[in-house]
Amino acid sequence: MLYSMFLLRDNCYVNIFVMREYEDRDGNKKLIIRVEQKDNVVHFCEWTFPDKVCFKAFGFSRLDLAKIKDYLAVNESIILNNWENYHKNL
């Protein structure tokens, strides 16, 4: 499910996808979020959410990853609300 697209840096847009939901060992619901560069999907990173921990990345600089993490933090409530509403409407 495509969640959004934003400008990471000059002429570099990224797409953000919610890939799936899972439960951790403690029974807490978590999301896997994948971020891909729009014009070069070989550059990607994957995050656990709402922890905002990057567990896989290729092609993004540390600064890029910090900007992505900030974007996820600022939009956390929107992402979680939209995910819940998406599942209610299935």
N, C-alpha and C. Protein backbone atom coordinates (compact mmCIF):
# COMPACT_ATOMS: atom_id res chain seq x y z
N MET A 1 0.85 -1.17 0.00
CA MET A 1 0.00 0.00 0.00
C MET A 1 0.89 1.23 0.00
N LEU A 2 0.78 2.05 -1.03
CA LEU A 2 1.54 3.30 -1.09
C LEU A 2 0.95 4.26 -0.08
N TYR A 3 1.80 4.77 0.78
CA TYR A 3 1.32 5.73 1.76
C TYR A 3 1.51 7.15 1.26
N SER A 4 2.73 7.51 0.84
CA SER A 4 2.97 8.88 0.41
C SER A 4 4.26 8.98 -0.39
N MET A 5 4.52 10.20 -0.86
CA MET A 5 5.74 10.53 -1.56
C MET A 5 6.20 11.88 -1.03
N PHE A 6 7.50 12.06 -0.84
CA PHE A 6 8.00 13.37 -0.44
C PHE A 6 9.37 13.62 -1.04
N LEU A 7 9.75 14.90 -1.05
CA LEU A 7 11.03 15.33 -1.60
C LEU A 7 12.09 15.19 -0.52
N LEU A 8 13.03 14.31 -0.73
CA LEU A 8 14.09 14.06 0.24
C LEU A 8 15.20 15.10 0.12
N ARG A 9 15.59 15.37 -1.10
CA ARG A 9 16.61 16.38 -1.40
C ARG A 9 16.42 16.79 -2.86
N ASP A 10 17.26 17.64 -3.38
CA ASP A 10 17.11 18.15 -4.74
C ASP A 10 16.83 17.03 -5.74
N ASN A 11 15.66 17.11 -6.38
CA ASN A 11 15.25 16.16 -7.42
C ASN A 11 15.29 14.70 -6.98
N CYS A 12 15.16 14.45 -5.71
CA CYS A 12 15.14 13.06 -5.20
C CYS A 12 13.86 12.86 -4.40
N TYR A 13 12.88 12.27 -5.05
CA TYR A 13 11.62 11.96 -4.38
C TYR A 13 11.67 10.52 -3.90
N VAL A 14 11.01 10.25 -2.78
CA VAL A 14 10.93 8.89 -2.28
C VAL A 14 9.47 8.51 -2.08
N ASN A 15 9.19 7.24 -2.31
CA ASN A 15 7.86 6.67 -2.06
C ASN A 15 7.93 5.90 -0.76
N ILE A 16 6.86 6.01 0.03
CA ILE A 16 6.79 5.32 1.31
C ILE A 16 5.63 4.33 1.24
N PHE A 17 5.94 3.08 1.57
CA PHE A 17 4.95 2.00 1.53
C PHE A 17 4.82 1.38 2.92
N VAL A 18 3.60 1.08 3.32
CA VAL A 18 3.39 0.23 4.49
C VAL A 18 3.31 -1.18 3.93
N MET A 19 4.27 -2.02 4.30
CA MET A 19 4.37 -3.36 3.73
C MET A 19 3.48 -4.37 4.45
N ARG A 20 3.54 -4.36 5.78
CA ARG A 20 2.74 -5.32 6.53
C ARG A 20 2.70 -4.94 8.00
N GLU A 21 1.83 -5.63 8.71
CA GLU A 21 1.72 -5.47 10.16
C GLU A 21 2.13 -6.79 10.80
N TYR A 22 2.75 -6.72 11.97
CA TYR A 22 3.11 -7.92 12.70
C TYR A 22 3.06 -7.62 14.20
N GLU A 23 3.14 -8.67 14.99
CA GLU A 23 3.21 -8.52 16.44
C GLU A 23 4.61 -8.90 16.91
N ASP A 24 5.17 -8.07 17.78
CA ASP A 24 6.48 -8.41 18.33
C ASP A 24 6.33 -9.43 19.46
N ARG A 25 7.41 -9.80 20.09
CA ARG A 25 7.38 -10.81 21.15
C ARG A 25 6.46 -10.44 22.30
N ASP A 26 6.31 -9.14 22.53
CA ASP A 26 5.48 -8.67 23.65
C ASP A 26 4.02 -8.48 23.27
N GLY A 27 3.68 -8.80 22.02
CA GLY A 27 2.30 -8.66 21.57
C GLY A 27 1.93 -7.28 21.07
N ASN A 28 2.92 -6.39 20.92
CA ASN A 28 2.66 -5.05 20.40
C ASN A 28 2.58 -5.07 18.88
N LYS A 29 1.61 -4.35 18.33
CA LYS A 29 1.48 -4.27 16.88
C LYS A 29 2.53 -3.32 16.31
N LYS A 30 3.20 -3.78 15.26
CA LYS A 30 4.23 -2.99 14.59
C LYS A 30 3.97 -3.03 13.09
N LEU A 31 4.51 -2.06 12.37
CA LEU A 31 4.43 -2.01 10.92
C LEU A 31 5.83 -2.10 10.34
N ILE A 32 5.92 -2.66 9.14
CA ILE A 32 7.14 -2.60 8.35
C ILE A 32 6.89 -1.56 7.27
N ILE A 33 7.75 -0.55 7.23
CA ILE A 33 7.63 0.52 6.24
C ILE A 33 8.85 0.47 5.33
N ARG A 34 8.60 0.53 4.02
CA ARG A 34 9.67 0.53 3.03
C ARG A 34 9.67 1.89 2.34
N VAL A 35 10.85 2.44 2.19
CA VAL A 35 11.04 3.72 1.51
C VAL A 35 11.93 3.46 0.30
N GLU A 36 11.46 3.87 -0.88
CA GLU A 36 12.23 3.67 -2.10
C GLU A 36 12.40 5.00 -2.82
N GLN A 37 13.56 5.18 -3.42
CA GLN A 37 13.75 6.36 -4.26
C GLN A 37 12.88 6.20 -5.49
N LYS A 38 12.13 7.23 -5.82
CA LYS A 38 11.13 7.13 -6.89
C LYS A 38 11.74 6.70 -8.23
N ASP A 39 12.85 7.30 -8.63
CA ASP A 39 13.42 7.02 -9.94
C ASP A 39 14.51 5.94 -9.91
N ASN A 40 14.78 5.39 -8.74
CA ASN A 40 15.82 4.38 -8.63
C ASN A 40 15.48 3.47 -7.45
N VAL A 41 14.60 2.50 -7.68
CA VAL A 41 14.09 1.66 -6.59
C VAL A 41 15.15 0.74 -5.99
N VAL A 42 16.36 0.72 -6.57
CA VAL A 42 17.45 -0.04 -5.98
C VAL A 42 17.87 0.64 -4.66
N HIS A 43 17.65 1.95 -4.56
CA HIS A 43 17.93 2.67 -3.32
C HIS A 43 16.69 2.57 -2.44
N PHE A 44 16.83 1.89 -1.31
CA PHE A 44 15.68 1.67 -0.44
C PHE A 44 16.13 1.56 1.00
N CYS A 45 15.18 1.64 1.90
CA CYS A 45 15.42 1.33 3.30
C CYS A 45 14.12 0.80 3.89
N GLU A 46 14.25 0.00 4.93
CA GLU A 46 13.08 -0.57 5.59
C GLU A 46 13.16 -0.26 7.08
N TRP A 47 11.99 0.03 7.65
CA TRP A 47 11.89 0.50 9.04
C TRP A 47 10.83 -0.28 9.80
N THR A 48 11.08 -0.47 11.10
CA THR A 48 9.99 -0.91 11.97
C THR A 48 9.31 0.36 12.47
N PHE A 49 8.03 0.26 12.67
CA PHE A 49 7.25 1.43 13.03
C PHE A 49 6.24 1.04 14.08
N PRO A 50 6.02 1.72 15.13
CA PRO A 50 6.35 3.12 15.40
C PRO A 50 7.73 3.33 16.03
N ASP A 51 8.57 2.30 16.13
CA ASP A 51 9.91 2.47 16.73
C ASP A 51 10.80 3.39 15.90
N LYS A 52 10.57 3.41 14.59
CA LYS A 52 11.39 4.16 13.64
C LYS A 52 12.84 3.71 13.67
N VAL A 53 13.02 2.38 13.59
CA VAL A 53 14.35 1.76 13.54
C VAL A 53 14.58 1.25 12.13
N CYS A 54 15.64 1.73 11.50
CA CYS A 54 16.00 1.26 10.16
C CYS A 54 16.78 -0.04 10.31
N PHE A 55 16.26 -1.12 9.71
CA PHE A 55 16.94 -2.41 9.83
C PHE A 55 17.56 -2.88 8.52
N LYS A 56 17.29 -2.14 7.44
CA LYS A 56 17.89 -2.50 6.14
C LYS A 56 17.95 -1.23 5.31
N ALA A 57 19.10 -0.97 4.68
CA ALA A 57 19.23 0.24 3.85
C ALA A 57 20.29 0.03 2.78
N PHE A 58 20.03 0.62 1.62
CA PHE A 58 21.00 0.59 0.54
C PHE A 58 20.81 1.84 -0.31
N GLY A 59 21.89 2.57 -0.53
CA GLY A 59 21.87 3.71 -1.45
C GLY A 59 21.52 5.04 -0.83
N PHE A 60 21.17 5.08 0.44
CA PHE A 60 20.87 6.35 1.10
C PHE A 60 22.02 6.71 2.04
N SER A 61 22.32 8.00 2.12
CA SER A 61 23.35 8.47 3.05
C SER A 61 22.78 8.52 4.47
N ARG A 62 23.65 8.72 5.42
CA ARG A 62 23.20 8.87 6.82
C ARG A 62 22.28 10.07 6.96
N LEU A 63 22.59 11.14 6.24
CA LEU A 63 21.75 12.33 6.28
C LEU A 63 20.36 12.03 5.70
N ASP A 64 20.33 11.28 4.60
CA ASP A 64 19.05 10.87 4.01
C ASP A 64 18.23 10.06 5.02
N LEU A 65 18.88 9.11 5.68
CA LEU A 65 18.18 8.27 6.66
C LEU A 65 17.66 9.10 7.83
N ALA A 66 18.43 10.10 8.25
CA ALA A 66 17.98 10.97 9.34
C ALA A 66 16.75 11.78 8.90
N LYS A 67 16.74 12.25 7.65
CA LYS A 67 15.58 13.00 7.14
C LYS A 67 14.35 12.10 7.03
N ILE A 68 14.56 10.86 6.61
CA ILE A 68 13.43 9.91 6.51
C ILE A 68 12.88 9.63 7.91
N LYS A 69 13.77 9.42 8.87
CA LYS A 69 13.33 9.16 10.24
C LYS A 69 12.53 10.35 10.78
N ASP A 70 12.99 11.57 10.51
CA ASP A 70 12.26 12.77 10.94
C ASP A 70 10.88 12.82 10.30
N TYR A 71 10.81 12.48 9.00
CA TYR A 71 9.52 12.47 8.31
C TYR A 71 8.57 11.48 8.97
N LEU A 72 9.08 10.29 9.28
CA LEU A 72 8.24 9.27 9.93
C LEU A 72 7.79 9.73 11.31
N ALA A 73 8.66 10.40 12.04
CA ALA A 73 8.31 10.89 13.38
C ALA A 73 7.23 11.97 13.30
N VAL A 74 7.38 12.90 12.40
CA VAL A 74 6.41 13.99 12.27
C VAL A 74 5.05 13.47 11.83
N ASN A 75 5.03 12.43 11.01
CA ASN A 75 3.78 11.91 10.45
C ASN A 75 3.30 10.63 11.13
N GLU A 76 3.84 10.30 12.29
CA GLU A 76 3.52 9.05 12.97
C GLU A 76 2.02 8.86 13.20
N SER A 77 1.36 9.85 13.76
CA SER A 77 -0.07 9.69 14.07
C SER A 77 -0.90 9.54 12.79
N ILE A 78 -0.53 10.24 11.74
CA ILE A 78 -1.25 10.14 10.47
C ILE A 78 -1.09 8.75 9.88
N ILE A 79 0.14 8.23 9.90
CA ILE A 79 0.40 6.89 9.36
C ILE A 79 -0.39 5.84 10.13
N LEU A 80 -0.34 5.90 11.45
CA LEU A 80 -1.05 4.91 12.26
C LEU A 80 -2.56 5.01 12.09
N ASN A 81 -3.10 6.23 12.06
CA ASN A 81 -4.55 6.40 11.86
C ASN A 81 -4.99 5.90 10.50
N ASN A 82 -4.23 6.21 9.47
CA ASN A 82 -4.59 5.76 8.12
C ASN A 82 -4.50 4.24 8.01
N TRP A 83 -3.51 3.63 8.67
CA TRP A 83 -3.39 2.18 8.64
C TRP A 83 -4.59 1.53 9.31
N GLU A 84 -5.00 2.06 10.47
CA GLU A 84 -6.16 1.51 11.17
C GLU A 84 -7.43 1.67 10.34
N ASN A 85 -7.62 2.83 9.74
CA ASN A 85 -8.81 3.06 8.90
C ASN A 85 -8.80 2.17 7.66
N TYR A 86 -7.63 1.94 7.09
CA TYR A 86 -7.51 1.06 5.93
C TYR A 86 -7.99 -0.34 6.27
N HIS A 87 -7.60 -0.86 7.43
CA HIS A 87 -8.01 -2.21 7.83
C HIS A 87 -9.49 -2.29 8.21
N LYS A 88 -10.05 -1.22 8.72
CA LYS A 88 -11.47 -1.22 9.06
C LYS A 88 -12.32 -1.29 7.80
N ASN A 89 -11.83 -0.72 6.71
CA ASN A 89 -12.61 -0.66 5.47
C ASN A 89 -12.39 -1.85 4.55
N LEU A 90 -11.58 -2.82 4.95
CA LEU A 90 -11.38 -4.01 4.11
C LEU A 90 -12.56 -4.93 4.13
